[in-house]
Amino acid sequence: MALTYEAWRRDFRWDIPERFNIARACCDRWADGSGRVALREPGGRAITFDEVLRDASRLANLLLAQGVRAGDRVAVLLPQVPLCAVAHMAIYRIGAIAVPLFQLFGPDAVAYRLADCDARAVVTDAMGAAHVPPGPLLLLAEDLPAQMARASDRHDCADTLADDPALIIYTSGTTGPAKGALHAHRVLLGHLPGVEMPQDLFPQGGDLFWTPADWAWIGGLLDVLLPSLFHGVPVLAHRMAKFDPEEAFRLIAAEGVRNLFLPPTALRLMRQVPGGRARPRSIGSGGETLGAEMLDWGREAFGVTINEFYGQTECNLVVSSCGALFPPKPGWAGRAVPGHEVAIRDGQIAVRAPDPVMFLRYWNRPEATAEKFRDGWLLTGDAGEMDGEGFVRFLGRADDVITSAGYRIGPSEIEDCLLRHPAVAAAAVFGVPDALRTEAVAAAVVLRAGEQGSGDLARALQDQVRGRLAAHCYPRHIRFVDALPQTATGKIMRKVLRETWEQV
C-alpha cells in the first residue's frame, strides 16, 4: 500500500534516544572499511566515511591537545569544502559546540559573532583568518595537514546526551542584531522528516545531494549536509564564491546530482538562463514563497515539482510540500511535517513546544528566549494563515505584512504576480506610509536585461496585479531598481527598502 501523507502523519512517532552524538550518527557508523562515499568534489574525487573518520579523529585530538574541551565554542569559518565537514565531525565528537560562520562575512560580522559566543578556537583558512581578531586559537587549513599527520587517527566519540549543546547557528539578522540559536545534538533527528518530505521521500538508491547554500547556514548544514551523511548519502561539496546559474545547470548534469536545495534567489537567477534544463530527482526550496509562476517554470526546467518548505534558524523544516504525496498549493508553503504541530497564533506561524528540532535557547539572551515562547508555543515572528486542509501560507515577517485601507496584505502573492510579466526579473513588495490608507503597497522591481523602466511599464504592472489579484493589492508606487537588498542567505530585506523609500 502506497504511503499517504495522512497515514505518515498519523503513525509518526519520534525516536529520540537518551544519548546521541551527531558525529557518531553521521560518520562512525558508516566508517566500516567498505569505502562508502561521504563527500564528492566536482571532477570525480570521492572522500569516504573512513577518511572522514580518520581526519576528524586527528583533528579532534589536535583540538584536545590545544586545550579545547567539551562545551567550548569552536567556530568553523570555511567554505563548502571537505575540511568543513571534517571540522564539524571533530567538534561534535569531543563534546564541544560548533559555530558555523559564513566565509563572506566582513571583519565586523566575524568579530561580533566570535565575541558573542566567546569562541575558544577557529578552524579557517588564510582568507578567513584575515577577518579573525586576536584572541581565539587559529587552526589554519593550510597548516592542518602537517599538524593532523602527527596526531593519532583514533578517538573515542564523546557519549553525549541528545539534549547536550552541539552548535550555535546565528540568525541572519532580519529583525535586529544576529542572535546565536543554541541547538542540541537531537536537532539532527528533528530535521530528518523535514528533509525526507521536500526531497520526495529521501533517501533513495543513487541519491546525490547538492546545494549552493553555504554550510554555515542552517539550510546548507541541516537541510543537506548532516541529514545526507546520517543516511549514508554522498554530498557534492562545491564552493561558489558567487552563484552562477549557468554553472549550476552544468554542474547538476555533469555530476549527476539527484537532490537539490535551491533557495528562491538561486531559482530566480536560473530562470533567466535561456533554455536552462536539468533532471534531478527532487528539489526543495525555502526562505521565500515561490508562487505559481516559479512552480510552473520549475516543472518545465527540471521535470519535477519544486517542493517548498518553511522553517527558521530556531525551529527549522516544520512545514513542507511533497509532490510524491500530494499536489502543491501555489503560494502556500505546504502542510505540517510529521512530528510537528503547527498552528496560527496571534496571526503568527507557531510550533508546539517541546519539539526535537527546536532550539535550546538564544546564547546569552534569556529575555529574547522567553519572548520567543508563549503558552506552550514557539512564535516564529512570521505572519501566516492556515486553510481547512492544513496548508500554511507564509505571508512574510510579521512587520512585512501591509495594512492598507483595512486590508492585511502579504507581499509574496503580489511579488509572484509581478514576476509573471516577461520584463520582470525580481520584485519586492512592502508598505509605505499613506495618510489615507495607513499604508500603501509599493514595489521595487528589477527588470530583465535589455528592458527599460517607464511609466507605461509601471502602469502595465499595476494593471496586471489589479486584474489578477485584487484592486486593493496593486502597488500604487513602483520604482525600477538595479538590485534588491538581501541578507547573506538571500532573503529580501524589505525593511531596508521601506527605510530607503522614505528617505527619497
Protein backbone atom coordinates (compact mmCIF):
# COMPACT_ATOMS: atom_id res chain seq x y z
CA MET A 1 0.00 0.00 0.00
CA ALA A 2 1.41 3.38 -1.05
CA LEU A 3 2.35 5.83 1.68
CA THR A 4 -0.06 8.72 2.16
CA TYR A 5 0.59 11.99 3.95
CA GLU A 6 -2.31 11.35 6.31
CA ALA A 7 -1.05 7.88 7.30
CA TRP A 8 2.54 9.10 7.74
CA ARG A 9 1.43 11.94 9.98
CA ARG A 10 -0.98 9.74 11.96
CA ASP A 11 1.51 6.95 12.60
CA PHE A 12 4.67 9.03 13.09
CA ARG A 13 6.45 8.72 16.44
CA TRP A 14 9.72 10.37 17.42
CA ASP A 15 12.53 8.00 18.38
CA ILE A 16 14.95 10.22 20.27
CA PRO A 17 17.42 8.17 22.35
CA GLU A 18 18.68 9.50 25.66
CA ARG A 19 22.25 9.56 24.37
CA PHE A 20 23.08 10.77 20.86
CA ASN A 21 26.06 12.37 19.13
CA ILE A 22 25.90 13.84 15.64
CA ALA A 23 29.43 12.69 14.73
CA ARG A 24 28.78 9.07 15.68
CA ALA A 25 25.50 9.06 13.74
CA CYS A 26 26.85 10.82 10.64
CA CYS A 27 30.31 9.29 10.42
CA ASP A 28 31.36 6.48 12.76
CA ARG A 29 28.54 4.08 11.92
CA TRP A 30 29.31 4.27 8.18
CA ALA A 31 33.09 4.04 8.55
CA ASP A 32 33.20 0.24 8.35
CA GLY A 33 36.01 -0.22 5.84
CA SER A 34 33.60 -0.62 2.92
CA GLY A 35 34.73 2.57 1.19
CA ARG A 36 31.26 4.11 1.27
CA VAL A 37 31.42 7.64 -0.17
CA ALA A 38 30.56 10.55 2.10
CA LEU A 39 31.64 13.55 0.00
CA ARG A 40 32.33 14.14 -3.65
CA GLU A 41 34.03 17.03 -5.36
CA PRO A 42 33.39 18.09 -8.97
CA GLY A 43 35.50 16.08 -11.34
CA GLY A 44 35.18 12.77 -9.55
CA ARG A 45 37.25 12.94 -6.35
CA ALA A 46 35.49 10.97 -3.62
CA ILE A 47 36.06 11.11 0.15
CA THR A 48 34.91 8.04 2.05
CA PHE A 49 33.40 7.85 5.51
CA ASP A 50 36.54 6.00 6.59
CA GLU A 51 38.63 9.00 5.52
CA VAL A 52 36.29 11.47 7.22
CA LEU A 53 36.52 9.49 10.47
CA ARG A 54 40.31 9.30 10.26
CA ASP A 55 40.70 13.03 9.65
CA ALA A 56 38.02 14.01 12.19
CA SER A 57 39.72 11.86 14.84
CA ARG A 58 43.07 13.51 14.14
CA LEU A 59 41.56 17.00 14.27
CA ALA A 60 39.70 16.09 17.48
CA ASN A 61 42.96 15.01 19.09
CA LEU A 62 44.64 18.18 17.86
CA LEU A 63 41.89 20.33 19.38
CA LEU A 64 42.20 18.49 22.69
CA ALA A 65 45.97 18.94 22.66
CA GLN A 66 45.43 22.70 22.21
CA GLY A 67 43.24 22.82 25.31
CA VAL A 68 39.77 22.76 23.73
CA ARG A 69 37.29 20.94 25.96
CA ALA A 70 33.65 19.86 25.99
CA GLY A 71 31.35 22.88 25.97
CA ASP A 72 33.93 25.19 24.40
CA ARG A 73 32.79 27.04 21.28
CA VAL A 74 34.78 26.31 18.12
CA ALA A 75 33.99 28.41 15.05
CA VAL A 76 34.16 26.91 11.56
CA LEU A 77 34.94 29.69 9.08
CA LEU A 78 35.30 27.70 5.87
CA PRO A 79 33.54 27.46 2.51
CA GLN A 80 31.80 24.34 1.22
CA VAL A 81 34.87 22.06 1.22
CA PRO A 82 35.56 18.62 2.78
CA LEU A 83 37.54 20.13 5.67
CA CYS A 84 34.40 21.98 6.74
CA ALA A 85 32.54 18.67 7.21
CA VAL A 86 35.57 17.11 8.93
CA ALA A 87 35.78 20.06 11.34
CA HIS A 88 32.14 19.62 12.33
CA MET A 89 32.65 15.92 12.99
CA ALA A 90 35.75 16.66 15.10
CA ILE A 91 34.00 19.31 17.20
CA TYR A 92 30.93 17.18 17.92
CA ARG A 93 32.99 14.13 18.84
CA ILE A 94 34.82 15.96 21.66
CA GLY A 95 31.58 17.43 23.00
CA ALA A 96 32.47 20.98 22.00
CA ILE A 97 29.99 23.38 20.35
CA ALA A 98 30.38 24.17 16.64
CA VAL A 99 29.76 27.74 15.48
CA PRO A 100 29.47 27.80 11.67
CA LEU A 101 30.35 31.19 10.14
CA PHE A 102 29.85 32.41 6.57
CA GLN A 103 33.21 33.00 4.90
CA LEU A 104 31.95 36.05 3.02
CA PHE A 105 31.23 37.85 6.29
CA GLY A 106 33.25 41.03 6.74
CA PRO A 107 35.55 41.53 9.74
CA ASP A 108 32.89 43.26 11.85
CA ALA A 109 30.39 40.43 11.39
CA VAL A 110 33.01 37.79 12.22
CA ALA A 111 34.30 39.70 15.26
CA TYR A 112 30.77 40.22 16.61
CA ARG A 113 29.90 36.53 16.47
CA LEU A 114 33.21 35.31 17.86
CA ALA A 115 32.93 37.72 20.78
CA ASP A 116 29.25 36.98 21.39
CA CYS A 117 29.85 33.23 21.75
CA ASP A 118 33.31 33.64 23.34
CA ALA A 119 34.87 31.27 20.80
CA ARG A 120 37.85 29.27 22.09
CA ALA A 121 39.16 28.39 18.62
CA VAL A 122 38.53 28.98 14.92
CA VAL A 123 39.08 26.47 12.12
CA THR A 124 39.59 28.53 8.97
CA ASP A 125 41.87 29.25 6.03
CA ALA A 126 44.05 32.21 5.10
CA MET A 127 41.10 34.11 3.65
CA GLY A 128 39.02 33.68 6.78
CA ALA A 129 41.92 34.33 9.14
CA ALA A 130 42.26 37.84 7.74
CA HIS A 131 38.93 38.66 9.40
CA VAL A 132 39.54 36.96 12.77
CA PRO A 133 40.55 39.37 15.56
CA PRO A 134 43.24 38.45 18.11
CA GLY A 135 42.15 36.08 20.84
CA PRO A 136 40.84 32.72 19.64
CA LEU A 137 43.17 29.86 18.78
CA LEU A 138 43.61 29.70 14.98
CA LEU A 139 43.79 26.37 13.16
CA LEU A 140 44.60 27.16 9.54
CA ALA A 141 43.61 24.87 6.69
CA GLU A 142 46.98 25.47 5.07
CA ASP A 143 48.81 24.15 8.17
CA LEU A 144 46.40 21.44 9.27
CA PRO A 145 47.56 18.55 7.01
CA ALA A 146 51.01 18.52 8.61
CA GLN A 147 49.65 19.04 12.11
CA MET A 148 46.99 16.35 11.76
CA ALA A 149 49.51 13.88 10.34
CA ARG A 150 51.27 13.94 13.71
CA ALA A 151 48.05 13.30 15.65
CA SER A 152 46.51 9.92 16.35
CA ASP A 153 43.79 8.78 13.97
CA ARG A 154 41.91 7.09 16.82
CA HIS A 155 39.47 8.90 19.05
CA ASP A 156 36.52 7.67 21.08
CA CYS A 157 33.47 9.80 20.37
CA ALA A 158 32.04 11.60 23.40
CA ASP A 159 28.99 9.89 24.91
CA THR A 160 26.77 12.97 24.79
CA LEU A 161 23.15 13.28 25.77
CA ALA A 162 20.73 14.05 22.97
CA ASP A 163 19.95 17.32 24.78
CA ASP A 164 23.60 18.36 25.15
CA PRO A 165 24.54 21.51 23.16
CA ALA A 166 26.08 20.80 19.75
CA LEU A 167 26.09 24.00 17.73
CA ILE A 168 25.26 27.69 17.68
CA ILE A 169 23.83 28.99 14.42
CA TYR A 170 23.42 32.73 14.16
CA THR A 171 20.24 34.12 12.70
CA SER A 172 20.52 36.12 9.50
CA GLY A 173 19.67 39.31 11.37
CA THR A 174 16.44 40.24 9.57
CA THR A 175 14.87 41.55 12.80
CA GLY A 176 17.85 43.14 14.55
CA PRO A 177 21.35 42.04 15.60
CA ALA A 178 22.10 38.42 14.81
CA LYS A 179 21.30 36.09 17.71
CA GLY A 180 23.01 32.76 18.37
CA ALA A 181 20.48 29.92 18.35
CA LEU A 182 21.88 27.11 20.52
CA HIS A 183 20.90 23.65 19.28
CA ALA A 184 21.28 20.22 20.87
CA HIS A 185 22.58 17.06 19.18
CA ARG A 186 18.94 15.95 18.79
CA VAL A 187 18.32 18.76 16.31
CA LEU A 188 19.60 16.48 13.55
CA LEU A 189 16.99 13.84 14.34
CA GLY A 190 14.36 16.57 14.46
CA HIS A 191 15.29 17.59 10.91
CA LEU A 192 15.02 14.17 9.28
CA PRO A 193 11.28 14.07 8.39
CA GLY A 194 11.54 17.69 7.23
CA VAL A 195 14.28 16.67 4.79
CA GLU A 196 12.57 13.47 3.67
CA MET A 197 9.36 15.30 2.76
CA PRO A 198 10.50 18.10 0.39
CA GLN A 199 13.02 15.74 -1.21
CA ASP A 200 10.21 13.40 -2.28
CA LEU A 201 10.81 10.69 0.32
CA PHE A 202 14.57 10.96 0.71
CA PRO A 203 16.75 8.91 0.62
CA GLN A 204 16.50 6.59 -2.36
CA GLY A 205 19.12 4.49 -4.11
CA GLY A 206 21.64 6.51 -6.10
CA ASP A 207 20.85 9.83 -4.43
CA LEU A 208 23.48 12.58 -4.50
CA PHE A 209 22.69 15.89 -2.74
CA TRP A 210 23.97 19.36 -3.54
CA THR A 211 23.07 22.91 -2.58
CA PRO A 212 24.68 26.24 -3.40
CA ALA A 213 23.68 27.34 0.12
CA ASP A 214 26.75 27.62 2.31
CA TRP A 215 27.16 25.03 5.06
CA ALA A 216 27.48 27.94 7.51
CA TRP A 217 23.69 28.39 7.37
CA ILE A 218 21.08 26.05 8.75
CA GLY A 219 19.79 25.49 5.20
CA GLY A 220 23.11 24.10 4.00
CA LEU A 221 24.18 22.33 7.19
CA LEU A 222 20.97 20.77 8.50
CA ASP A 223 18.83 20.68 5.36
CA VAL A 224 21.54 18.99 3.29
CA LEU A 225 24.96 18.04 4.73
CA LEU A 226 24.21 16.39 8.06
CA PRO A 227 20.94 14.59 7.10
CA SER A 228 22.62 13.17 4.00
CA LEU A 229 25.59 11.88 5.98
CA PHE A 230 23.19 10.47 8.59
CA HIS A 231 21.53 8.41 5.83
CA GLY A 232 24.87 7.45 4.25
CA VAL A 233 24.08 9.51 1.14
CA PRO A 234 27.01 11.34 -0.53
CA VAL A 235 27.04 15.14 -0.70
CA LEU A 236 28.63 17.13 -3.51
CA ALA A 237 30.99 19.68 -1.97
CA HIS A 238 31.34 22.62 -4.32
CA ARG A 239 32.16 26.19 -3.40
CA MET A 240 30.68 29.05 -5.39
CA ALA A 241 32.17 32.41 -4.48
CA LYS A 242 29.26 33.89 -6.39
CA PHE A 243 26.29 31.90 -7.59
CA ASP A 244 26.47 31.27 -11.34
CA PRO A 245 23.15 29.97 -12.71
CA GLU A 246 24.62 28.61 -15.93
CA GLU A 247 27.33 26.80 -13.98
CA ALA A 248 24.66 25.39 -11.67
CA PHE A 249 22.81 23.81 -14.58
CA ARG A 250 26.08 22.40 -15.94
CA LEU A 251 27.15 21.05 -12.54
CA ILE A 252 23.85 19.27 -11.89
CA ALA A 253 24.05 17.50 -15.23
CA ALA A 254 27.78 16.73 -15.20
CA GLU A 255 27.86 15.33 -11.66
CA GLY A 256 24.54 13.50 -11.79
CA VAL A 257 23.05 15.43 -8.86
CA ARG A 258 19.70 13.92 -7.90
CA ASN A 259 18.66 16.04 -4.93
CA LEU A 260 18.78 19.81 -4.62
CA PHE A 261 18.09 22.51 -2.12
CA LEU A 262 17.87 25.67 -4.20
CA PRO A 263 16.98 28.90 -2.37
CA PRO A 264 14.46 31.14 -4.16
CA THR A 265 17.17 33.62 -5.15
CA ALA A 266 19.11 30.86 -6.92
CA LEU A 267 15.96 29.67 -8.70
CA ARG A 268 15.13 33.18 -9.91
CA LEU A 269 18.62 33.53 -11.37
CA MET A 270 18.41 30.10 -13.03
CA ARG A 271 15.06 31.09 -14.53
CA GLN A 272 16.88 33.77 -16.51
CA VAL A 273 19.14 31.24 -18.28
CA PRO A 274 17.69 30.74 -21.78
CA GLY A 275 16.86 27.10 -22.30
CA GLY A 276 18.29 26.08 -18.91
CA ARG A 277 17.44 22.43 -18.20
CA ALA A 278 18.39 19.75 -15.66
CA ARG A 279 16.81 16.49 -14.50
CA PRO A 280 17.28 15.91 -10.76
CA ARG A 281 15.04 13.54 -8.79
CA SER A 282 13.88 16.13 -6.26
CA ILE A 283 14.15 19.83 -5.43
CA GLY A 284 13.33 21.63 -2.21
CA SER A 285 13.24 25.38 -1.70
CA GLY A 286 12.55 27.60 1.28
CA GLY A 287 13.06 31.08 2.67
CA GLU A 288 10.67 32.98 0.39
CA THR A 289 7.41 31.95 -1.27
CA LEU A 290 7.79 30.93 -4.92
CA GLY A 291 4.26 31.17 -6.28
CA ALA A 292 2.58 29.58 -9.30
CA GLU A 293 4.80 31.25 -11.91
CA MET A 294 8.00 29.80 -10.45
CA LEU A 295 6.44 26.38 -9.87
CA ASP A 296 5.30 26.21 -13.50
CA TRP A 297 8.77 27.18 -14.71
CA GLY A 298 10.32 24.60 -12.37
CA ARG A 299 8.31 21.75 -13.87
CA GLU A 300 9.42 22.81 -17.35
CA ALA A 301 13.09 23.33 -16.47
CA PHE A 302 13.60 20.40 -14.09
CA GLY A 303 10.83 17.93 -14.88
CA VAL A 304 9.76 17.82 -11.21
CA THR A 305 7.68 19.89 -8.86
CA ILE A 306 9.76 22.16 -6.62
CA ASN A 307 8.68 21.35 -3.08
CA GLU A 308 8.53 24.43 -0.89
CA PHE A 309 9.21 24.23 2.82
CA TYR A 310 9.18 26.56 5.78
CA GLY A 311 11.24 26.95 8.92
CA GLN A 312 13.67 29.27 10.63
CA THR A 313 17.02 29.00 12.36
CA GLU A 314 15.38 28.46 15.75
CA CYS A 315 12.89 25.82 14.56
CA ASN A 316 13.54 24.55 11.06
CA LEU A 317 11.69 22.44 8.47
CA VAL A 318 8.31 22.18 10.18
CA VAL A 319 6.11 22.79 7.10
CA SER A 320 6.60 21.32 3.64
CA SER A 321 5.09 20.31 0.36
CA CYS A 322 5.76 16.90 -1.14
CA GLY A 323 4.86 16.23 -4.77
CA ALA A 324 5.18 12.48 -4.14
CA LEU A 325 2.32 12.64 -1.62
CA PHE A 326 0.00 15.50 -2.60
CA PRO A 327 -0.21 18.27 -5.21
CA PRO A 328 1.19 21.64 -4.16
CA LYS A 329 -0.94 24.66 -3.48
CA PRO A 330 0.81 27.61 -5.16
CA GLY A 331 1.54 30.42 -2.76
CA TRP A 332 1.35 28.09 0.25
CA ALA A 333 4.45 26.52 1.81
CA GLY A 334 2.80 23.17 2.48
CA ARG A 335 1.46 21.20 5.43
CA ALA A 336 2.89 20.34 8.84
CA VAL A 337 5.75 17.86 8.57
CA PRO A 338 5.00 14.65 10.50
CA GLY A 339 6.11 15.01 14.10
CA HIS A 340 5.45 18.74 14.32
CA GLU A 341 2.30 20.54 15.46
CA VAL A 342 1.86 23.85 13.64
CA ALA A 343 -0.84 26.46 14.15
CA ILE A 344 -1.56 30.16 13.68
CA ARG A 345 -1.40 32.04 16.98
CA ASP A 346 -1.96 35.79 17.13
CA GLY A 347 -1.52 35.92 13.36
CA GLN A 348 1.88 34.21 13.55
CA ILE A 349 3.03 30.76 12.48
CA ALA A 350 3.61 28.86 15.73
CA VAL A 351 5.03 25.45 16.64
CA ARG A 352 4.04 23.43 19.68
CA ALA A 353 6.83 23.03 22.25
CA PRO A 354 8.71 20.92 23.08
CA ASP A 355 9.91 19.67 19.71
CA PRO A 356 13.22 17.90 18.91
CA VAL A 357 14.03 20.32 16.07
CA MET A 358 13.57 23.32 18.36
CA PHE A 359 16.50 25.34 19.67
CA LEU A 360 17.51 25.19 23.32
CA ARG A 361 17.83 28.94 23.79
CA TYR A 362 19.47 32.08 22.44
CA TRP A 363 23.08 32.30 23.54
CA ASN A 364 23.33 34.79 26.43
CA ARG A 365 19.87 36.22 25.71
CA PRO A 366 17.40 34.86 28.28
CA GLU A 367 14.89 37.67 27.72
CA ALA A 368 14.84 37.13 23.95
CA THR A 369 14.41 33.39 24.57
CA ALA A 370 11.45 33.99 26.88
CA GLU A 371 9.81 36.29 24.31
CA LYS A 372 10.01 33.52 21.71
CA PHE A 373 7.61 31.27 23.65
CA ARG A 374 4.04 31.80 24.78
CA ASP A 375 1.59 29.34 26.35
CA GLY A 376 3.50 26.28 25.17
CA TRP A 377 4.10 27.51 21.63
CA LEU A 378 7.17 28.87 19.86
CA LEU A 379 6.14 32.02 18.00
CA THR A 380 8.12 32.36 14.79
CA GLY A 381 7.51 36.07 14.28
CA ASP A 382 6.34 35.22 10.76
CA ALA A 383 2.84 36.21 9.71
CA GLY A 384 0.82 33.36 8.23
CA GLU A 385 -2.51 31.68 7.76
CA MET A 386 -3.79 28.10 7.54
CA ASP A 387 -6.62 26.71 5.43
CA GLY A 388 -9.03 23.86 6.12
CA GLU A 389 -6.66 21.26 4.64
CA GLY A 390 -3.82 22.31 6.89
CA PHE A 391 -1.86 24.20 4.23
CA VAL A 392 0.19 27.03 5.70
CA ARG A 393 0.80 30.28 3.87
CA PHE A 394 3.87 32.31 4.82
CA LEU A 395 2.90 35.98 4.49
CA GLY A 396 6.29 37.39 5.46
CA ARG A 397 7.85 38.64 8.65
CA ALA A 398 5.16 39.99 10.95
CA ASP A 399 6.42 43.50 10.23
CA ASP A 400 6.33 42.83 6.46
CA VAL A 401 2.55 42.46 6.37
CA ILE A 402 0.98 45.57 4.84
CA THR A 403 -2.07 47.18 6.47
CA SER A 404 -3.88 49.19 3.81
CA ALA A 405 -7.43 50.55 4.00
CA GLY A 406 -8.37 47.83 6.48
CA TYR A 407 -6.82 45.00 4.47
CA ARG A 408 -3.89 42.87 5.69
CA ILE A 409 -1.79 42.18 2.60
CA GLY A 410 1.11 39.74 2.35
CA PRO A 411 3.86 40.73 -0.11
CA SER A 412 4.62 37.28 -1.57
CA GLU A 413 1.48 36.88 -3.68
CA ILE A 414 1.96 40.30 -5.27
CA GLU A 415 5.63 39.60 -5.96
CA ASP A 416 4.69 36.38 -7.71
CA CYS A 417 2.13 38.24 -9.82
CA LEU A 418 4.72 40.84 -10.85
CA LEU A 419 7.12 38.05 -11.83
CA ARG A 420 4.58 36.82 -14.36
CA HIS A 421 5.34 39.85 -16.52
CA PRO A 422 8.03 38.98 -19.11
CA ALA A 423 10.01 42.15 -18.36
CA VAL A 424 10.42 41.45 -14.64
CA ALA A 425 13.41 39.57 -13.21
CA ALA A 426 12.76 40.17 -9.49
CA ALA A 427 10.44 42.18 -7.27
CA ALA A 428 9.99 43.12 -3.64
CA VAL A 429 6.71 44.43 -2.23
CA PHE A 430 6.32 46.36 1.02
CA GLY A 431 4.23 49.03 2.69
CA VAL A 432 4.98 52.74 2.82
CA PRO A 433 3.19 55.35 4.96
CA ASP A 434 -0.04 56.69 3.49
CA ALA A 435 -2.17 59.31 5.24
CA LEU A 436 -5.42 57.93 3.84
CA ARG A 437 -4.84 54.16 3.90
CA THR A 438 -2.33 53.82 6.81
CA GLU A 439 0.00 52.12 4.32
CA ALA A 440 0.13 51.94 0.56
CA VAL A 441 1.53 49.00 -1.40
CA ALA A 442 4.89 49.78 -3.00
CA ALA A 443 7.12 47.67 -5.24
CA ALA A 444 10.81 47.73 -6.12
CA VAL A 445 11.25 45.97 -9.46
CA VAL A 446 14.38 44.63 -11.14
CA LEU A 447 13.99 44.28 -14.89
CA ARG A 448 15.45 41.65 -17.18
CA ALA A 449 18.48 42.54 -19.28
CA GLY A 450 17.54 44.78 -22.18
CA GLU A 451 14.30 46.06 -20.61
CA GLN A 452 13.78 49.72 -19.73
CA GLY A 453 11.65 51.09 -16.94
CA SER A 454 8.94 53.56 -17.94
CA GLY A 455 5.64 54.97 -16.82
CA ASP A 456 3.85 52.74 -19.32
CA LEU A 457 5.54 49.63 -17.91
CA ALA A 458 4.71 50.68 -14.35
CA ARG A 459 1.06 51.09 -15.29
CA ALA A 460 1.07 47.72 -17.06
CA LEU A 461 2.40 46.06 -13.90
CA GLN A 462 -0.21 47.78 -11.78
CA ASP A 463 -2.97 46.65 -14.15
CA GLN A 464 -1.63 43.10 -14.05
CA VAL A 465 -1.83 42.92 -10.25
CA ARG A 466 -5.18 44.68 -10.17
CA GLY A 467 -6.61 42.31 -12.76
CA ARG A 468 -5.12 39.04 -11.49
CA LEU A 469 -5.31 39.58 -7.72
CA ALA A 470 -7.49 42.41 -6.41
CA ALA A 471 -7.80 46.15 -6.62
CA HIS A 472 -6.59 46.66 -3.02
CA CYS A 473 -3.39 44.69 -3.74
CA TYR A 474 -1.94 46.61 -6.65
CA PRO A 475 1.25 48.60 -5.97
CA ARG A 476 0.37 52.29 -6.01
CA HIS A 477 4.07 53.10 -6.14
CA ILE A 478 6.63 51.34 -8.37
CA ARG A 479 10.33 52.04 -8.67
CA PHE A 480 12.71 50.30 -11.03
CA VAL A 481 15.98 49.37 -9.30
CA ASP A 482 19.19 47.62 -10.29
CA ALA A 483 19.16 45.13 -7.40
CA LEU A 484 17.29 44.23 -4.23
CA PRO A 485 18.97 44.34 -0.81
CA GLN A 486 19.34 40.82 0.58
CA THR A 487 20.66 39.10 3.66
CA ALA A 488 23.63 36.77 3.31
CA THR A 489 21.15 33.90 2.92
CA GLY A 490 19.37 35.60 0.01
CA LYS A 491 16.26 36.82 1.83
CA ILE A 492 14.91 40.15 0.62
CA MET A 493 15.36 42.91 3.20
CA ARG A 494 12.06 44.73 2.83
CA LYS A 495 12.79 46.82 5.91
CA VAL A 496 15.78 48.35 4.12
CA LEU A 497 13.62 49.12 1.08
CA ARG A 498 10.98 50.79 3.27
CA GLU A 499 13.57 52.94 5.02
CA THR A 500 15.29 53.88 1.77
CA TRP A 501 11.95 54.68 0.15
CA GLU A 502 11.03 57.09 2.93
CA GLN A 503 14.37 58.88 2.67
CA VAL A 504 13.98 59.68 -1.02
